[in-house]
Amino acid sequence: MKINVITHPNARQPRVEKDLLGSLHIYVSEPPLAGHANQAVIEALACYFRVKKNAVILLSGEKSKVKLFQIF
């Protein structure tokens, strides 16, 4: 399954929310430096969909707020 998410690094409370249009907003407390926020987003998605971390792959948007993930 491919999914678009909108990320929010440096958030006060880490959480996953769905907006009215069905997009996932992922709030992580890590800064967007050296891929730390991307790794936190992968961990949050794995927890949200109840899969292993290696089943979540970042396809595009490494340096963008809007990212595309493949989840197996």
PDB file of N, CA and C in Angstrom:
ATOM      1  N   MET A   1       0.853  -1.167   0.000  1.00  0.00           N
ATOM      2  CA  MET A   1       0.000   0.000   0.000  1.00  0.00           C
ATOM      3  C   MET A   1       0.902   1.234   0.000  1.00  0.00           C
ATOM      4  N   LYS A   2       0.584   2.194  -0.848  1.00  0.00           N
ATOM      5  CA  LYS A   2       1.308   3.468  -0.871  1.00  0.00           C
ATOM      6  C   LYS A   2       0.458   4.501  -0.161  1.00  0.00           C
ATOM      7  N   ILE A   3       1.129   5.339   0.622  1.00  0.00           N
ATOM      8  CA  ILE A   3       0.398   6.321   1.412  1.00  0.00           C
ATOM      9  C   ILE A   3       1.181   7.631   1.447  1.00  0.00           C
ATOM     10  N   ASN A   4       0.465   8.744   1.264  1.00  0.00           N
ATOM     11  CA  ASN A   4       1.047  10.078   1.409  1.00  0.00           C
ATOM     12  C   ASN A   4       0.832  10.544   2.836  1.00  0.00           C
ATOM     13  N   VAL A   5       1.871  11.084   3.443  1.00  0.00           N
ATOM     14  CA  VAL A   5       1.749  11.631   4.790  1.00  0.00           C
ATOM     15  C   VAL A   5       2.329  13.039   4.811  1.00  0.00           C
ATOM     16  N   ILE A   6       1.866  13.815   5.751  1.00  0.00           N
ATOM     17  CA  ILE A   6       2.392  15.159   5.980  1.00  0.00           C
ATOM     18  C   ILE A   6       3.073  15.125   7.332  1.00  0.00           C
ATOM     19  N   THR A   7       4.337  15.474   7.356  1.00  0.00           N
ATOM     20  CA  THR A   7       5.109  15.366   8.588  1.00  0.00           C
ATOM     21  C   THR A   7       5.258  16.728   9.257  1.00  0.00           C
ATOM     22  N   HIS A   8       5.353  16.692  10.563  1.00  0.00           N
ATOM     23  CA  HIS A   8       5.544  17.888  11.373  1.00  0.00           C
ATOM     24  C   HIS A   8       6.653  17.608  12.383  1.00  0.00           C
ATOM     25  N   PRO A   9       7.916  17.910  12.050  1.00  0.00           N
ATOM     26  CA  PRO A   9       9.008  17.690  13.004  1.00  0.00           C
ATOM     27  C   PRO A   9       8.988  18.743  14.110  1.00  0.00           C
ATOM     28  N   ASN A  10       9.729  18.481  15.161  1.00  0.00           N
ATOM     29  CA  ASN A  10       9.847  19.371  16.322  1.00  0.00           C
ATOM     30  C   ASN A  10       8.503  19.617  17.006  1.00  0.00           C
ATOM     31  N   ALA A  11       7.642  18.630  17.017  1.00  0.00           N
ATOM     32  CA  ALA A  11       6.345  18.769  17.674  1.00  0.00           C
ATOM     33  C   ALA A  11       6.499  18.561  19.177  1.00  0.00           C
ATOM     34  N   ARG A  12       5.607  19.142  19.936  1.00  0.00           N
ATOM     35  CA  ARG A  12       5.656  18.976  21.390  1.00  0.00           C
ATOM     36  C   ARG A  12       5.227  17.580  21.809  1.00  0.00           C
ATOM     37  N   GLN A  13       4.174  17.079  21.179  1.00  0.00           N
ATOM     38  CA  GLN A  13       3.676  15.741  21.488  1.00  0.00           C
ATOM     39  C   GLN A  13       3.683  14.893  20.216  1.00  0.00           C
ATOM     40  N   PRO A  14       4.400  13.776  20.223  1.00  0.00           N
ATOM     41  CA  PRO A  14       4.345  12.897  19.052  1.00  0.00           C
ATOM     42  C   PRO A  14       2.969  12.248  18.941  1.00  0.00           C
ATOM     43  N   ARG A  15       2.402  12.279  17.723  1.00  0.00           N
ATOM     44  CA  ARG A  15       1.083  11.689  17.508  1.00  0.00           C
ATOM     45  C   ARG A  15       0.832  11.527  16.017  1.00  0.00           C
ATOM     46  N   VAL A  16      -0.197  10.738  15.703  1.00  0.00           N
ATOM     47  CA  VAL A  16      -0.636  10.535  14.330  1.00  0.00           C
ATOM     48  C   VAL A  16      -2.101  10.935  14.273  1.00  0.00           C
ATOM     49  N   GLU A  17      -2.434  11.831  13.333  1.00  0.00           N
ATOM     50  CA  GLU A  17      -3.808  12.314  13.186  1.00  0.00           C
ATOM     51  C   GLU A  17      -4.244  12.184  11.736  1.00  0.00           C
ATOM     52  N   LYS A  18      -5.526  11.975  11.545  1.00  0.00           N
ATOM     53  CA  LYS A  18      -6.107  11.940  10.205  1.00  0.00           C
ATOM     54  C   LYS A  18      -6.985  13.177  10.054  1.00  0.00           C
ATOM     55  N   ASP A  19      -6.798  13.920   8.946  1.00  0.00           N
ATOM     56  CA  ASP A  19      -7.609  15.123   8.745  1.00  0.00           C
ATOM     57  C   ASP A  19      -8.917  14.774   8.034  1.00  0.00           C
ATOM     58  N   LEU A  20      -9.707  15.773   7.726  1.00  0.00           N
ATOM     59  CA  LEU A  20     -11.019  15.553   7.122  1.00  0.00           C
ATOM     60  C   LEU A  20     -10.943  14.960   5.721  1.00  0.00           C
ATOM     61  N   LEU A  21      -9.851  15.202   5.019  1.00  0.00           N
ATOM     62  CA  LEU A  21      -9.681  14.665   3.677  1.00  0.00           C
ATOM     63  C   LEU A  21      -9.083  13.266   3.665  1.00  0.00           C
ATOM     64  N   GLY A  22      -8.701  12.755   4.840  1.00  0.00           N
ATOM     65  CA  GLY A  22      -8.152  11.413   4.944  1.00  0.00           C
ATOM     66  C   GLY A  22      -6.641  11.348   4.931  1.00  0.00           C
ATOM     67  N   SER A  23      -5.959  12.472   4.873  1.00  0.00           N
ATOM     68  CA  SER A  23      -4.498  12.482   4.900  1.00  0.00           C
ATOM     69  C   SER A  23      -4.000  12.269   6.318  1.00  0.00           C
ATOM     70  N   LEU A  24      -2.884  11.565   6.433  1.00  0.00           N
ATOM     71  CA  LEU A  24      -2.277  11.357   7.741  1.00  0.00           C
ATOM     72  C   LEU A  24      -1.286  12.476   8.030  1.00  0.00           C
ATOM     73  N   HIS A  25      -1.382  13.045   9.209  1.00  0.00           N
ATOM     74  CA  HIS A  25      -0.422  14.028   9.700  1.00  0.00           C
ATOM     75  C   HIS A  25       0.335  13.359  10.831  1.00  0.00           C
ATOM     76  N   ILE A  26       1.653  13.318  10.692  1.00  0.00           N
ATOM     77  CA  ILE A  26       2.484  12.662  11.697  1.00  0.00           C
ATOM     78  C   ILE A  26       3.346  13.715  12.370  1.00  0.00           C
ATOM     79  N   TYR A  27       3.169  13.848  13.667  1.00  0.00           N
ATOM     80  CA  TYR A  27       3.914  14.790  14.483  1.00  0.00           C
ATOM     81  C   TYR A  27       4.990  14.022  15.231  1.00  0.00           C
ATOM     82  N   VAL A  28       6.252  14.418  15.060  1.00  0.00           N
ATOM     83  CA  VAL A  28       7.369  13.782  15.759  1.00  0.00           C
ATOM     84  C   VAL A  28       8.172  14.852  16.482  1.00  0.00           C
ATOM     85  N   SER A  29       8.797  14.456  17.564  1.00  0.00           N
ATOM     86  CA  SER A  29       9.536  15.430  18.378  1.00  0.00           C
ATOM     87  C   SER A  29      10.968  15.621  17.902  1.00  0.00           C
ATOM     88  N   GLU A  30      11.458  14.797  16.987  1.00  0.00           N
ATOM     89  CA  GLU A  30      12.833  14.899  16.515  1.00  0.00           C
ATOM     90  C   GLU A  30      12.969  16.036  15.502  1.00  0.00           C
ATOM     91  N   PRO A  31      14.161  16.639  15.455  1.00  0.00           N
ATOM     92  CA  PRO A  31      14.399  17.705  14.467  1.00  0.00           C
ATOM     93  C   PRO A  31      14.651  17.107  13.089  1.00  0.00           C
ATOM     94  N   PRO A  32      14.434  17.893  12.038  1.00  0.00           N
ATOM     95  CA  PRO A  32      14.645  17.386  10.680  1.00  0.00           C
ATOM     96  C   PRO A  32      16.108  17.445  10.251  1.00  0.00           C
ATOM     97  N   LEU A  33      16.992  16.938  11.065  1.00  0.00           N
ATOM     98  CA  LEU A  33      18.420  16.959  10.773  1.00  0.00           C
ATOM     99  C   LEU A  33      18.937  15.530  10.659  1.00  0.00           C
ATOM    100  N   ALA A  34      19.719  15.271   9.632  1.00  0.00           N
ATOM    101  CA  ALA A  34      20.399  13.984   9.423  1.00  0.00           C
ATOM    102  C   ALA A  34      19.440  12.804   9.401  1.00  0.00           C
ATOM    103  N   GLY A  35      18.202  13.030   8.972  1.00  0.00           N
ATOM    104  CA  GLY A  35      17.252  11.946   8.837  1.00  0.00           C
ATOM    105  C   GLY A  35      16.608  11.457  10.118  1.00  0.00           C
ATOM    106  N   HIS A  36      16.806  12.166  11.220  1.00  0.00           N
ATOM    107  CA  HIS A  36      16.232  11.729  12.494  1.00  0.00           C
ATOM    108  C   HIS A  36      14.707  11.792  12.463  1.00  0.00           C
ATOM    109  N   ALA A  37      14.150  12.822  11.870  1.00  0.00           N
ATOM    110  CA  ALA A  37      12.692  12.938  11.801  1.00  0.00           C
ATOM    111  C   ALA A  37      12.113  11.870  10.875  1.00  0.00           C
ATOM    112  N   ASN A  38      12.790  11.579   9.778  1.00  0.00           N
ATOM    113  CA  ASN A  38      12.307  10.535   8.872  1.00  0.00           C
ATOM    114  C   ASN A  38      12.259   9.187   9.570  1.00  0.00           C
ATOM    115  N   GLN A  39      13.280   8.884  10.363  1.00  0.00           N
ATOM    116  CA  GLN A  39      13.304   7.620  11.091  1.00  0.00           C
ATOM    117  C   GLN A  39      12.178   7.575  12.125  1.00  0.00           C
ATOM    118  N   ALA A  40      11.907   8.682  12.763  1.00  0.00           N
ATOM    119  CA  ALA A  40      10.813   8.737  13.739  1.00  0.00           C
ATOM    120  C   ALA A  40       9.461   8.569  13.055  1.00  0.00           C
ATOM    121  N   VAL A  41       9.315   9.116  11.846  1.00  0.00           N
ATOM    122  CA  VAL A  41       8.074   8.955  11.095  1.00  0.00           C
ATOM    123  C   VAL A  41       7.880   7.495  10.697  1.00  0.00           C
ATOM    124  N   ILE A  42       8.948   6.833  10.294  1.00  0.00           N
ATOM    125  CA  ILE A  42       8.874   5.415   9.952  1.00  0.00           C
ATOM    126  C   ILE A  42       8.432   4.602  11.164  1.00  0.00           C
ATOM    127  N   GLU A  43       8.997   4.904  12.333  1.00  0.00           N
ATOM    128  CA  GLU A  43       8.612   4.197  13.550  1.00  0.00           C
ATOM    129  C   GLU A  43       7.149   4.464  13.911  1.00  0.00           C
ATOM    130  N   ALA A  44       6.689   5.697  13.725  1.00  0.00           N
ATOM    131  CA  ALA A  44       5.300   6.033  14.024  1.00  0.00           C
ATOM    132  C   ALA A  44       4.346   5.322  13.072  1.00  0.00           C
ATOM    133  N   LEU A  45       4.697   5.258  11.790  1.00  0.00           N
ATOM    134  CA  LEU A  45       3.857   4.556  10.827  1.00  0.00           C
ATOM    135  C   LEU A  45       3.815   3.057  11.116  1.00  0.00           C
ATOM    136  N   ALA A  46       4.949   2.486  11.484  1.00  0.00           N
ATOM    137  CA  ALA A  46       4.986   1.062  11.812  1.00  0.00           C
ATOM    138  C   ALA A  46       4.098   0.763  13.013  1.00  0.00           C
ATOM    139  N   CYS A  47       4.110   1.623  13.988  1.00  0.00           N
ATOM    140  CA  CYS A  47       3.254   1.446  15.158  1.00  0.00           C
ATOM    141  C   CYS A  47       1.786   1.648  14.790  1.00  0.00           C
ATOM    142  N   TYR A  48       1.488   2.631  13.977  1.00  0.00           N
ATOM    143  CA  TYR A  48       0.113   2.949  13.597  1.00  0.00           C
ATOM    144  C   TYR A  48      -0.530   1.812  12.799  1.00  0.00           C
ATOM    145  N   PHE A  49       0.233   1.243  11.851  1.00  0.00           N
ATOM    146  CA  PHE A  49      -0.291   0.166  11.017  1.00  0.00           C
ATOM    147  C   PHE A  49       0.022  -1.224  11.566  1.00  0.00           C
ATOM    148  N   ARG A  50       0.711  -1.290  12.695  1.00  0.00           N
ATOM    149  CA  ARG A  50       1.057  -2.548  13.373  1.00  0.00           C
ATOM    150  C   ARG A  50       1.855  -3.483  12.463  1.00  0.00           C
ATOM    151  N   VAL A  51       2.924  -2.933  11.885  1.00  0.00           N
ATOM    152  CA  VAL A  51       3.855  -3.716  11.078  1.00  0.00           C
ATOM    153  C   VAL A  51       5.260  -3.465  11.619  1.00  0.00           C
ATOM    154  N   LYS A  52       6.213  -4.241  11.130  1.00  0.00           N
ATOM    155  CA  LYS A  52       7.599  -4.034  11.534  1.00  0.00           C
ATOM    156  C   LYS A  52       8.161  -2.783  10.846  1.00  0.00           C
ATOM    157  N   LYS A  53       9.196  -2.214  11.451  1.00  0.00           N
ATOM    158  CA  LYS A  53       9.785  -0.991  10.890  1.00  0.00           C
ATOM    159  C   LYS A  53      10.361  -1.213   9.496  1.00  0.00           C
ATOM    160  N   ASN A  54      10.897  -2.414   9.238  1.00  0.00           N
ATOM    161  CA  ASN A  54      11.479  -2.646   7.919  1.00  0.00           C
ATOM    162  C   ASN A  54      10.420  -2.876   6.850  1.00  0.00           C
ATOM    163  N   ALA A  55       9.125  -2.888   7.217  1.00  0.00           N
ATOM    164  CA  ALA A  55       8.035  -2.999   6.244  1.00  0.00           C
ATOM    165  C   ALA A  55       7.573  -1.628   5.760  1.00  0.00           C
ATOM    166  N   VAL A  56       8.158  -0.562   6.290  1.00  0.00           N
ATOM    167  CA  VAL A  56       7.809   0.812   5.903  1.00  0.00           C
ATOM    168  C   VAL A  56       9.004   1.404   5.165  1.00  0.00           C
ATOM    169  N   ILE A  57       8.798   1.782   3.911  1.00  0.00           N
ATOM    170  CA  ILE A  57       9.894   2.295   3.076  1.00  0.00           C
ATOM    171  C   ILE A  57       9.526   3.686   2.568  1.00  0.00           C
ATOM    172  N   LEU A  58      10.450   4.619   2.728  1.00  0.00           N
ATOM    173  CA  LEU A  58      10.275   5.972   2.218  1.00  0.00           C
ATOM    174  C   LEU A  58      10.596   5.983   0.726  1.00  0.00           C
ATOM    175  N   LEU A  59       9.597   6.295  -0.105  1.00  0.00           N
ATOM    176  CA  LEU A  59       9.789   6.307  -1.552  1.00  0.00           C
ATOM    177  C   LEU A  59      10.219   7.663  -2.064  1.00  0.00           C
ATOM    178  N   SER A  60       9.597   8.735  -1.573  1.00  0.00           N
ATOM    179  CA  SER A  60       9.962  10.077  -2.032  1.00  0.00           C
ATOM    180  C   SER A  60       9.648  11.095  -0.947  1.00  0.00           C
ATOM    181  N   GLY A  61      10.287  12.245  -1.053  1.00  0.00           N
ATOM    182  CA  GLY A  61      10.054  13.326  -0.110  1.00  0.00           C
ATOM    183  C   GLY A  61      10.985  13.313   1.077  1.00  0.00           C
ATOM    184  N   GLU A  62      12.218  12.889   0.869  1.00  0.00           N
ATOM    185  CA  GLU A  62      13.174  12.797   1.982  1.00  0.00           C
ATOM    186  C   GLU A  62      13.387  14.139   2.675  1.00  0.00           C
ATOM    187  N   LYS A  63      13.389  15.233   1.905  1.00  0.00           N
ATOM    188  CA  LYS A  63      13.612  16.553   2.487  1.00  0.00           C
ATOM    189  C   LYS A  63      12.379  17.437   2.388  1.00  0.00           C
ATOM    190  N   SER A  64      11.214  16.822   2.281  1.00  0.00           N
ATOM    191  CA  SER A  64       9.966  17.555   2.143  1.00  0.00           C
ATOM    192  C   SER A  64       9.037  17.203   3.296  1.00  0.00           C
ATOM    193  N   LYS A  65       8.037  18.054   3.536  1.00  0.00           N
ATOM    194  CA  LYS A  65       7.047  17.748   4.567  1.00  0.00           C
ATOM    195  C   LYS A  65       6.047  16.712   4.090  1.00  0.00           C
ATOM    196  N   VAL A  66       5.816  16.666   2.775  1.00  0.00           N
ATOM    197  CA  VAL A  66       4.903  15.680   2.202  1.00  0.00           C
ATOM    198  C   VAL A  66       5.740  14.519   1.697  1.00  0.00           C
ATOM    199  N   LYS A  67       5.486  13.329   2.231  1.00  0.00           N
ATOM    200  CA  LYS A  67       6.296  12.158   1.915  1.00  0.00           C
ATOM    201  C   LYS A  67       5.407  11.035   1.396  1.00  0.00           C
ATOM    202  N   LEU A  68       5.996  10.171   0.589  1.00  0.00           N
ATOM    203  CA  LEU A  68       5.312   9.003   0.061  1.00  0.00           C
ATOM    204  C   LEU A  68       5.987   7.769   0.626  1.00  0.00           C
ATOM    205  N   PHE A  69       5.186   6.898   1.265  1.00  0.00           N
ATOM    206  CA  PHE A  69       5.700   5.678   1.869  1.00  0.00           C
ATOM    207  C   PHE A  69       5.054   4.465   1.233  1.00  0.00           C
ATOM    208  N   GLN A  70       5.811   3.385   1.175  1.00  0.00           N
ATOM    209  CA  GLN A  70       5.307   2.069   0.778  1.00  0.00           C
ATOM    210  C   GLN A  70       5.257   1.239   2.049  1.00  0.00           C
ATOM    211  N   ILE A  71       4.099   0.635   2.315  1.00  0.00           N
ATOM    212  CA  ILE A  71       3.939  -0.207   3.502  1.00  0.00           C
ATOM    213  C   ILE A  71       3.570  -1.609   3.035  1.00  0.00           C
ATOM    214  N   PHE A  72       4.348  -2.593   3.467  1.00  0.00           N
ATOM    215  CA  PHE A  72       4.107  -3.986   3.083  1.00  0.00           C
ATOM    216  C   PHE A  72       3.339  -4.707   4.161  1.00  0.00           C
TER     217      PHE A  72
END
